[in-house]
Amino acid sequence: MAIGYTLAMKDSRLTEEILFKKLEDMGCKCDNVEKLRNGVSLSFEDNIGFTVYLTNSGNYPYNIWETELLEDDFTSEKVLEFRINKDYPNYEERYMVIFTIIFDLMRELMENAILFNNSNRELCFFRADTTVLLNSKAEIWNQNLFKDFLVNRDIRYRVK
């Protein structure tokens, strides 16, 4: 089973061009770009061990997410998904790149979004005002790697 993270975004602010530029600015070299029916797939398998998909969410009921962080269901317009190659040797580097991309893009775009892992566990909710609500039940935030990541970010956050 692959490891994956899915960012469901309320609006369509994230474009292919913005994503390409962010990845390029971070020094990620794309191995392959594949146009999909509803978006794009970018492979970084050789460079850092993951593939990124940016797609439209689709229509109801495929764009509705039940969430424990919010009172109401969350409707998304776009999805940014990271599929991780478990055999890539430097997992800390890979996770820092992925989470830096996600947190930076959400801050820059001021987008409402929910981040899930591949078990559909909500990790956090990004609010358009740049507040990040962490799911305290998600054990990922207890790992030292992520504790350090959050401390060094120029964002406001609360643990729910």
N, C-alpha and C. Protein backbone atom coordinates (compact mmCIF):
# COMPACT_ATOMS: atom_id res chain seq x y z
N MET A 1 0.84 -1.19 0.00
CA MET A 1 0.00 0.00 0.00
C MET A 1 0.88 1.25 0.00
N ALA A 2 0.55 2.17 -0.85
CA ALA A 2 1.32 3.42 -0.94
C ALA A 2 0.94 4.35 0.21
N ILE A 3 1.87 5.20 0.55
CA ILE A 3 1.61 6.25 1.53
C ILE A 3 1.15 7.47 0.76
N GLY A 4 0.12 8.13 1.26
CA GLY A 4 -0.38 9.28 0.54
C GLY A 4 -0.96 10.34 1.45
N TYR A 5 -0.95 11.55 0.95
CA TYR A 5 -1.57 12.69 1.63
C TYR A 5 -2.42 13.42 0.61
N THR A 6 -3.63 13.79 1.01
CA THR A 6 -4.57 14.47 0.13
C THR A 6 -4.98 15.79 0.75
N LEU A 7 -4.85 16.85 -0.03
CA LEU A 7 -5.28 18.18 0.38
C LEU A 7 -6.51 18.53 -0.44
N ALA A 8 -7.67 18.57 0.22
CA ALA A 8 -8.93 18.94 -0.44
C ALA A 8 -9.14 20.43 -0.24
N MET A 9 -9.20 21.18 -1.35
CA MET A 9 -9.27 22.64 -1.30
C MET A 9 -10.67 23.13 -1.69
N LYS A 10 -11.17 24.08 -0.93
CA LYS A 10 -12.52 24.61 -1.12
C LYS A 10 -12.68 25.29 -2.48
N ASP A 11 -11.69 26.03 -2.90
CA ASP A 11 -11.76 26.78 -4.16
C ASP A 11 -10.74 26.23 -5.16
N SER A 12 -10.72 26.85 -6.32
CA SER A 12 -9.80 26.43 -7.38
C SER A 12 -8.64 27.41 -7.52
N ARG A 13 -8.14 27.93 -6.42
CA ARG A 13 -7.06 28.92 -6.49
C ARG A 13 -5.73 28.32 -6.94
N LEU A 14 -5.49 27.07 -6.58
CA LEU A 14 -4.23 26.44 -6.95
C LEU A 14 -4.31 25.98 -8.40
N THR A 15 -3.44 26.54 -9.23
CA THR A 15 -3.38 26.18 -10.64
C THR A 15 -2.13 25.34 -10.89
N GLU A 16 -2.08 24.72 -12.05
CA GLU A 16 -0.89 23.97 -12.43
C GLU A 16 0.33 24.88 -12.45
N GLU A 17 0.17 26.09 -12.94
CA GLU A 17 1.29 27.03 -13.04
C GLU A 17 1.84 27.38 -11.66
N ILE A 18 0.95 27.64 -10.70
CA ILE A 18 1.39 27.97 -9.34
C ILE A 18 2.11 26.78 -8.73
N LEU A 19 1.57 25.58 -8.92
CA LEU A 19 2.20 24.37 -8.38
C LEU A 19 3.57 24.13 -9.01
N PHE A 20 3.67 24.23 -10.34
CA PHE A 20 4.96 24.06 -11.03
C PHE A 20 6.00 25.03 -10.47
N LYS A 21 5.61 26.29 -10.33
CA LYS A 21 6.55 27.31 -9.84
C LYS A 21 7.01 26.99 -8.42
N LYS A 22 6.10 26.60 -7.54
CA LYS A 22 6.46 26.27 -6.16
C LYS A 22 7.46 25.11 -6.13
N LEU A 23 7.18 24.07 -6.89
CA LEU A 23 8.08 22.91 -6.92
C LEU A 23 9.44 23.28 -7.51
N GLU A 24 9.42 24.08 -8.56
CA GLU A 24 10.67 24.54 -9.18
C GLU A 24 11.47 25.40 -8.21
N ASP A 25 10.80 26.31 -7.50
CA ASP A 25 11.48 27.17 -6.53
C ASP A 25 12.11 26.37 -5.40
N MET A 26 11.55 25.20 -5.09
CA MET A 26 12.08 24.35 -4.03
C MET A 26 13.17 23.41 -4.54
N GLY A 27 13.50 23.50 -5.83
CA GLY A 27 14.57 22.68 -6.39
C GLY A 27 14.15 21.29 -6.80
N CYS A 28 12.85 21.03 -6.87
CA CYS A 28 12.37 19.71 -7.28
C CYS A 28 12.43 19.61 -8.80
N LYS A 29 13.04 18.54 -9.28
CA LYS A 29 13.17 18.32 -10.71
C LYS A 29 12.18 17.24 -11.13
N CYS A 30 11.29 17.62 -12.03
CA CYS A 30 10.21 16.73 -12.47
C CYS A 30 10.74 15.69 -13.46
N ASP A 31 10.41 14.41 -13.21
CA ASP A 31 10.80 13.33 -14.10
C ASP A 31 9.83 13.19 -15.27
N ASN A 32 8.55 13.44 -15.00
CA ASN A 32 7.53 13.23 -16.01
C ASN A 32 6.29 14.05 -15.67
N VAL A 33 5.72 14.69 -16.69
CA VAL A 33 4.45 15.41 -16.55
C VAL A 33 3.44 14.68 -17.42
N GLU A 34 2.31 14.34 -16.82
CA GLU A 34 1.26 13.65 -17.56
C GLU A 34 -0.05 14.41 -17.39
N LYS A 35 -0.62 14.82 -18.52
CA LYS A 35 -1.93 15.46 -18.49
C LYS A 35 -2.99 14.40 -18.23
N LEU A 36 -3.85 14.67 -17.28
CA LEU A 36 -4.95 13.78 -16.96
C LEU A 36 -6.26 14.41 -17.42
N ARG A 37 -7.31 13.63 -17.46
CA ARG A 37 -8.60 14.17 -17.91
C ARG A 37 -9.06 15.34 -17.04
N ASN A 38 -8.81 15.24 -15.73
CA ASN A 38 -9.26 16.29 -14.80
C ASN A 38 -8.12 17.01 -14.12
N GLY A 39 -6.91 16.96 -14.69
CA GLY A 39 -5.80 17.64 -14.04
C GLY A 39 -4.46 17.24 -14.60
N VAL A 40 -3.49 17.07 -13.68
CA VAL A 40 -2.12 16.79 -14.09
C VAL A 40 -1.45 15.89 -13.05
N SER A 41 -0.49 15.09 -13.51
CA SER A 41 0.33 14.24 -12.65
C SER A 41 1.79 14.64 -12.88
N LEU A 42 2.51 14.87 -11.78
CA LEU A 42 3.92 15.25 -11.85
C LEU A 42 4.73 14.23 -11.07
N SER A 43 5.66 13.56 -11.74
CA SER A 43 6.48 12.55 -11.07
C SER A 43 7.81 13.15 -10.63
N PHE A 44 8.13 12.93 -9.36
CA PHE A 44 9.42 13.31 -8.79
C PHE A 44 10.07 12.08 -8.16
N GLU A 45 9.77 10.90 -8.72
CA GLU A 45 10.23 9.63 -8.16
C GLU A 45 11.76 9.57 -8.09
N ASP A 46 12.44 9.93 -9.17
CA ASP A 46 13.91 9.85 -9.18
C ASP A 46 14.54 10.90 -8.28
N ASN A 47 13.96 12.07 -8.22
CA ASN A 47 14.53 13.20 -7.49
C ASN A 47 14.30 13.10 -5.99
N ILE A 48 13.05 12.85 -5.58
CA ILE A 48 12.76 12.87 -4.14
C ILE A 48 11.75 11.82 -3.69
N GLY A 49 11.27 10.97 -4.60
CA GLY A 49 10.49 9.82 -4.20
C GLY A 49 9.00 10.02 -4.02
N PHE A 50 8.39 10.90 -4.81
CA PHE A 50 6.93 11.02 -4.75
C PHE A 50 6.36 11.50 -6.08
N THR A 51 5.05 11.32 -6.23
CA THR A 51 4.31 11.82 -7.38
C THR A 51 3.21 12.73 -6.85
N VAL A 52 2.96 13.83 -7.57
CA VAL A 52 1.94 14.81 -7.19
C VAL A 52 0.84 14.80 -8.24
N TYR A 53 -0.41 14.83 -7.77
CA TYR A 53 -1.57 14.93 -8.65
C TYR A 53 -2.35 16.17 -8.26
N LEU A 54 -2.66 17.00 -9.23
CA LEU A 54 -3.55 18.15 -9.02
C LEU A 54 -4.75 17.93 -9.92
N THR A 55 -5.92 17.72 -9.30
CA THR A 55 -7.11 17.39 -10.08
C THR A 55 -8.32 18.18 -9.57
N ASN A 56 -9.31 18.29 -10.44
CA ASN A 56 -10.60 18.83 -10.03
C ASN A 56 -11.29 17.77 -9.18
N SER A 57 -12.05 18.19 -8.20
CA SER A 57 -12.68 17.25 -7.27
C SER A 57 -13.82 16.46 -7.88
N GLY A 58 -14.45 17.00 -8.88
CA GLY A 58 -15.63 16.34 -9.43
C GLY A 58 -16.89 16.92 -8.81
N ASN A 59 -17.98 16.23 -9.05
CA ASN A 59 -19.29 16.70 -8.58
C ASN A 59 -19.76 15.87 -7.40
N TYR A 60 -20.81 16.37 -6.76
CA TYR A 60 -21.42 15.67 -5.63
C TYR A 60 -21.74 14.24 -6.05
N PRO A 61 -21.49 13.25 -5.26
CA PRO A 61 -21.00 13.24 -3.89
C PRO A 61 -19.49 13.09 -3.77
N TYR A 62 -18.78 13.18 -4.89
CA TYR A 62 -17.34 12.92 -4.88
C TYR A 62 -16.51 14.07 -4.34
N ASN A 63 -17.11 15.23 -4.17
CA ASN A 63 -16.36 16.39 -3.68
C ASN A 63 -16.77 16.78 -2.26
N ILE A 64 -17.45 15.90 -1.54
CA ILE A 64 -17.89 16.16 -0.17
C ILE A 64 -17.05 15.32 0.79
N TRP A 65 -16.55 15.96 1.83
CA TRP A 65 -15.74 15.28 2.84
C TRP A 65 -16.42 15.43 4.20
N GLU A 66 -16.68 14.31 4.86
CA GLU A 66 -17.12 14.37 6.25
C GLU A 66 -15.89 14.66 7.09
N THR A 67 -16.04 15.52 8.08
CA THR A 67 -14.88 15.96 8.84
C THR A 67 -15.19 16.07 10.32
N GLU A 68 -14.22 15.70 11.13
CA GLU A 68 -14.37 15.85 12.58
C GLU A 68 -13.87 17.21 13.06
N LEU A 69 -13.13 17.92 12.23
CA LEU A 69 -12.63 19.23 12.61
C LEU A 69 -13.65 20.34 12.38
N LEU A 70 -14.61 20.10 11.52
CA LEU A 70 -15.62 21.10 11.18
C LEU A 70 -17.00 20.57 11.53
N GLU A 71 -17.92 21.47 11.79
CA GLU A 71 -19.28 21.05 12.12
C GLU A 71 -20.03 20.53 10.89
N ASP A 72 -19.80 21.14 9.75
CA ASP A 72 -20.49 20.75 8.52
C ASP A 72 -19.55 19.99 7.61
N ASP A 73 -20.13 19.28 6.64
CA ASP A 73 -19.31 18.62 5.63
C ASP A 73 -18.53 19.67 4.85
N PHE A 74 -17.40 19.27 4.30
CA PHE A 74 -16.53 20.17 3.56
C PHE A 74 -16.64 19.84 2.08
N THR A 75 -16.91 20.85 1.27
CA THR A 75 -17.01 20.69 -0.17
C THR A 75 -15.74 21.21 -0.81
N SER A 76 -15.14 20.41 -1.69
CA SER A 76 -13.89 20.84 -2.33
C SER A 76 -14.07 20.99 -3.84
N GLU A 77 -13.24 21.87 -4.40
CA GLU A 77 -13.20 22.09 -5.84
C GLU A 77 -11.96 21.46 -6.47
N LYS A 78 -10.86 21.44 -5.71
CA LYS A 78 -9.58 20.90 -6.21
C LYS A 78 -8.99 19.97 -5.17
N VAL A 79 -8.18 19.03 -5.65
CA VAL A 79 -7.47 18.09 -4.78
C VAL A 79 -6.01 18.05 -5.20
N LEU A 80 -5.14 18.18 -4.20
CA LEU A 80 -3.70 18.02 -4.39
C LEU A 80 -3.30 16.77 -3.63
N GLU A 81 -2.81 15.77 -4.35
CA GLU A 81 -2.48 14.49 -3.71
C GLU A 81 -1.00 14.17 -3.91
N PHE A 82 -0.37 13.71 -2.84
CA PHE A 82 1.01 13.25 -2.87
C PHE A 82 1.01 11.75 -2.63
N ARG A 83 1.58 10.99 -3.56
CA ARG A 83 1.75 9.53 -3.39
C ARG A 83 3.23 9.27 -3.23
N ILE A 84 3.57 8.62 -2.13
CA ILE A 84 4.96 8.51 -1.70
C ILE A 84 5.51 7.12 -1.98
N ASN A 85 6.70 7.10 -2.56
CA ASN A 85 7.45 5.86 -2.76
C ASN A 85 8.11 5.49 -1.44
N LYS A 86 7.68 4.38 -0.85
CA LYS A 86 8.19 3.98 0.47
C LYS A 86 9.66 3.59 0.44
N ASP A 87 10.20 3.30 -0.75
CA ASP A 87 11.59 2.86 -0.85
C ASP A 87 12.59 4.01 -0.95
N TYR A 88 12.11 5.24 -1.05
CA TYR A 88 13.03 6.39 -1.12
C TYR A 88 13.80 6.48 0.19
N PRO A 89 15.15 6.60 0.15
CA PRO A 89 15.96 6.48 1.36
C PRO A 89 15.84 7.61 2.37
N ASN A 90 15.66 8.84 1.96
CA ASN A 90 15.67 9.96 2.90
C ASN A 90 14.25 10.44 3.15
N TYR A 91 13.55 9.73 4.03
CA TYR A 91 12.14 10.05 4.24
C TYR A 91 11.94 11.41 4.90
N GLU A 92 12.86 11.84 5.77
CA GLU A 92 12.70 13.14 6.42
C GLU A 92 12.74 14.28 5.41
N GLU A 93 13.67 14.21 4.47
CA GLU A 93 13.77 15.24 3.43
C GLU A 93 12.48 15.28 2.62
N ARG A 94 12.00 14.12 2.24
CA ARG A 94 10.78 14.04 1.43
C ARG A 94 9.59 14.64 2.17
N TYR A 95 9.41 14.27 3.45
CA TYR A 95 8.30 14.81 4.22
C TYR A 95 8.42 16.32 4.39
N MET A 96 9.60 16.83 4.59
CA MET A 96 9.76 18.28 4.74
C MET A 96 9.40 19.00 3.45
N VAL A 97 9.77 18.44 2.31
CA VAL A 97 9.41 19.05 1.03
C VAL A 97 7.89 19.04 0.85
N ILE A 98 7.26 17.91 1.08
CA ILE A 98 5.81 17.79 0.90
C ILE A 98 5.06 18.75 1.82
N PHE A 99 5.41 18.74 3.10
CA PHE A 99 4.67 19.58 4.04
C PHE A 99 4.99 21.07 3.85
N THR A 100 6.20 21.39 3.42
CA THR A 100 6.53 22.78 3.11
C THR A 100 5.69 23.26 1.93
N ILE A 101 5.57 22.44 0.90
CA ILE A 101 4.75 22.79 -0.26
C ILE A 101 3.31 23.06 0.19
N ILE A 102 2.75 22.14 0.95
CA ILE A 102 1.35 22.26 1.38
C ILE A 102 1.15 23.51 2.24
N PHE A 103 1.96 23.66 3.28
CA PHE A 103 1.77 24.79 4.20
C PHE A 103 2.03 26.13 3.50
N ASP A 104 3.07 26.19 2.67
CA ASP A 104 3.37 27.44 1.96
C ASP A 104 2.25 27.82 0.99
N LEU A 105 1.80 26.85 0.20
CA LEU A 105 0.74 27.14 -0.77
C LEU A 105 -0.54 27.61 -0.09
N MET A 106 -0.90 26.97 0.99
CA MET A 106 -2.14 27.36 1.67
C MET A 106 -2.02 28.75 2.29
N ARG A 107 -0.85 29.08 2.80
CA ARG A 107 -0.64 30.43 3.34
C ARG A 107 -0.66 31.46 2.22
N GLU A 108 0.02 31.17 1.12
CA GLU A 108 0.10 32.12 0.01
C GLU A 108 -1.25 32.31 -0.68
N LEU A 109 -2.00 31.24 -0.84
CA LEU A 109 -3.28 31.31 -1.55
C LEU A 109 -4.45 31.68 -0.64
N MET A 110 -4.21 31.66 0.68
CA MET A 110 -5.27 31.94 1.66
C MET A 110 -6.51 31.10 1.34
N GLU A 111 -6.29 29.81 1.33
CA GLU A 111 -7.28 28.83 0.90
C GLU A 111 -7.81 28.04 2.08
N ASN A 112 -9.11 27.74 2.08
CA ASN A 112 -9.69 26.79 3.03
C ASN A 112 -9.43 25.40 2.49
N ALA A 113 -8.84 24.52 3.32
CA ALA A 113 -8.51 23.18 2.85
C ALA A 113 -8.35 22.23 4.03
N ILE A 114 -8.55 20.95 3.75
CA ILE A 114 -8.35 19.90 4.75
C ILE A 114 -7.28 18.94 4.23
N LEU A 115 -6.34 18.59 5.11
CA LEU A 115 -5.29 17.64 4.79
C LEU A 115 -5.61 16.30 5.44
N PHE A 116 -5.66 15.24 4.61
CA PHE A 116 -5.93 13.88 5.07
C PHE A 116 -4.73 12.99 4.77
N ASN A 117 -4.58 11.91 5.54
CA ASN A 117 -3.63 10.88 5.14
C ASN A 117 -4.39 9.83 4.34
N ASN A 118 -3.70 8.78 3.88
CA ASN A 118 -4.36 7.81 3.02
C ASN A 118 -5.36 6.91 3.76
N SER A 119 -5.43 7.03 5.08
CA SER A 119 -6.47 6.33 5.85
C SER A 119 -7.68 7.23 6.10
N ASN A 120 -7.71 8.36 5.41
CA ASN A 120 -8.75 9.39 5.57
C ASN A 120 -8.79 9.99 6.96
N ARG A 121 -7.68 9.96 7.66
CA ARG A 121 -7.55 10.63 8.97
C ARG A 121 -7.25 12.10 8.69
N GLU A 122 -8.06 12.99 9.24
CA GLU A 122 -7.83 14.42 9.08
C GLU A 122 -6.60 14.82 9.89
N LEU A 123 -5.67 15.47 9.24
CA LEU A 123 -4.47 15.93 9.93
C LEU A 123 -4.61 17.38 10.36
N CYS A 124 -5.17 18.21 9.48
CA CYS A 124 -5.36 19.61 9.84
C CYS A 124 -6.31 20.29 8.88
N PHE A 125 -6.79 21.45 9.31
CA PHE A 125 -7.66 22.29 8.49
C PHE A 125 -6.98 23.64 8.33
N PHE A 126 -6.80 24.05 7.08
CA PHE A 126 -6.23 25.36 6.77
C PHE A 126 -7.38 26.32 6.56
N ARG A 127 -7.36 27.43 7.28
CA ARG A 127 -8.38 28.46 7.10
C ARG A 127 -7.82 29.56 6.21
N ALA A 128 -8.72 30.23 5.50
CA ALA A 128 -8.30 31.29 4.59
C ALA A 128 -7.57 32.41 5.30
N ASP A 129 -7.81 32.59 6.60
CA ASP A 129 -7.10 33.64 7.34
C ASP A 129 -5.71 33.19 7.79
N THR A 130 -5.24 32.06 7.29
CA THR A 130 -3.93 31.44 7.53
C THR A 130 -3.82 30.74 8.88
N THR A 131 -4.89 30.65 9.64
CA THR A 131 -4.88 29.84 10.86
C THR A 131 -4.91 28.37 10.45
N VAL A 132 -4.11 27.56 11.12
CA VAL A 132 -4.09 26.12 10.87
C VAL A 132 -4.60 25.42 12.12
N LEU A 133 -5.68 24.66 11.98
CA LEU A 133 -6.23 23.89 13.10
C LEU A 133 -5.69 22.47 13.01
N LEU A 134 -4.87 22.08 13.96
CA LEU A 134 -4.30 20.73 13.96
C LEU A 134 -5.26 19.76 14.63
N ASN A 135 -5.33 18.56 14.10
CA ASN A 135 -6.10 17.50 14.74
C ASN A 135 -5.18 16.83 15.76
N SER A 136 -5.44 17.06 17.03
CA SER A 136 -4.57 16.54 18.09
C SER A 136 -4.61 15.01 18.16
N LYS A 137 -5.62 14.39 17.55
CA LYS A 137 -5.69 12.92 17.53
C LYS A 137 -4.77 12.32 16.46
N ALA A 138 -4.31 13.14 15.54
CA ALA A 138 -3.41 12.66 14.48
C ALA A 138 -2.00 12.59 15.03
N GLU A 139 -1.50 11.38 15.20
CA GLU A 139 -0.20 11.18 15.85
C GLU A 139 0.98 11.76 15.09
N ILE A 140 0.79 12.08 13.83
CA ILE A 140 1.90 12.61 13.03
C ILE A 140 2.51 13.85 13.68
N TRP A 141 1.69 14.68 14.31
CA TRP A 141 2.18 15.93 14.89
C TRP A 141 3.02 15.70 16.14
N ASN A 142 2.98 14.48 16.70
CA ASN A 142 3.79 14.16 17.88
C ASN A 142 5.21 13.75 17.53
N GLN A 143 5.48 13.49 16.26
CA GLN A 143 6.83 13.11 15.85
C GLN A 143 7.72 14.35 15.87
N ASN A 144 8.95 14.18 16.33
CA ASN A 144 9.88 15.31 16.45
C ASN A 144 10.05 16.07 15.15
N LEU A 145 10.10 15.36 14.05
CA LEU A 145 10.25 15.99 12.75
C LEU A 145 9.17 17.04 12.52
N PHE A 146 7.93 16.72 12.85
CA PHE A 146 6.83 17.64 12.61
C PHE A 146 6.70 18.68 13.70
N LYS A 147 7.06 18.34 14.91
CA LYS A 147 7.09 19.35 15.97
C LYS A 147 8.04 20.47 15.58
N ASP A 148 9.22 20.10 15.11
CA ASP A 148 10.20 21.10 14.66
C ASP A 148 9.67 21.90 13.48
N PHE A 149 9.01 21.22 12.55
CA PHE A 149 8.46 21.88 11.37
C PHE A 149 7.45 22.95 11.77
N LEU A 150 6.56 22.63 12.70
CA LEU A 150 5.53 23.58 13.11
C LEU A 150 6.10 24.75 13.89
N VAL A 151 7.09 24.50 14.73
CA VAL A 151 7.70 25.57 15.53
C VAL A 151 8.36 26.59 14.62
N ASN A 152 8.97 26.14 13.55
CA ASN A 152 9.72 27.03 12.67
C ASN A 152 8.87 27.70 11.60
N ARG A 153 7.58 27.47 11.60
CA ARG A 153 6.70 28.08 10.61
C ARG A 153 6.21 29.43 11.10
N ASP A 154 6.06 30.34 10.16
CA ASP A 154 5.53 31.66 10.48
C ASP A 154 4.01 31.66 10.28
N ILE A 155 3.33 30.84 11.09
CA ILE A 155 1.88 30.73 11.01
C ILE A 155 1.30 30.70 12.41
N ARG A 156 0.01 30.97 12.50
CA ARG A 156 -0.71 30.78 13.77
C ARG A 156 -1.40 29.43 13.68
N TYR A 157 -1.42 28.71 14.77
CA TYR A 157 -2.15 27.46 14.77
C TYR A 157 -2.69 27.16 16.15
N ARG A 158 -3.74 26.37 16.16
CA ARG A 158 -4.31 25.89 17.42
C ARG A 158 -4.49 24.39 17.30
N VAL A 159 -4.42 23.72 18.42
CA VAL A 159 -4.71 22.30 18.46
C VAL A 159 -6.15 22.13 18.87
N LYS A 160 -6.90 21.41 18.09
CA LYS A 160 -8.32 21.18 18.41
C LYS A 160 -8.46 19.83 19.05
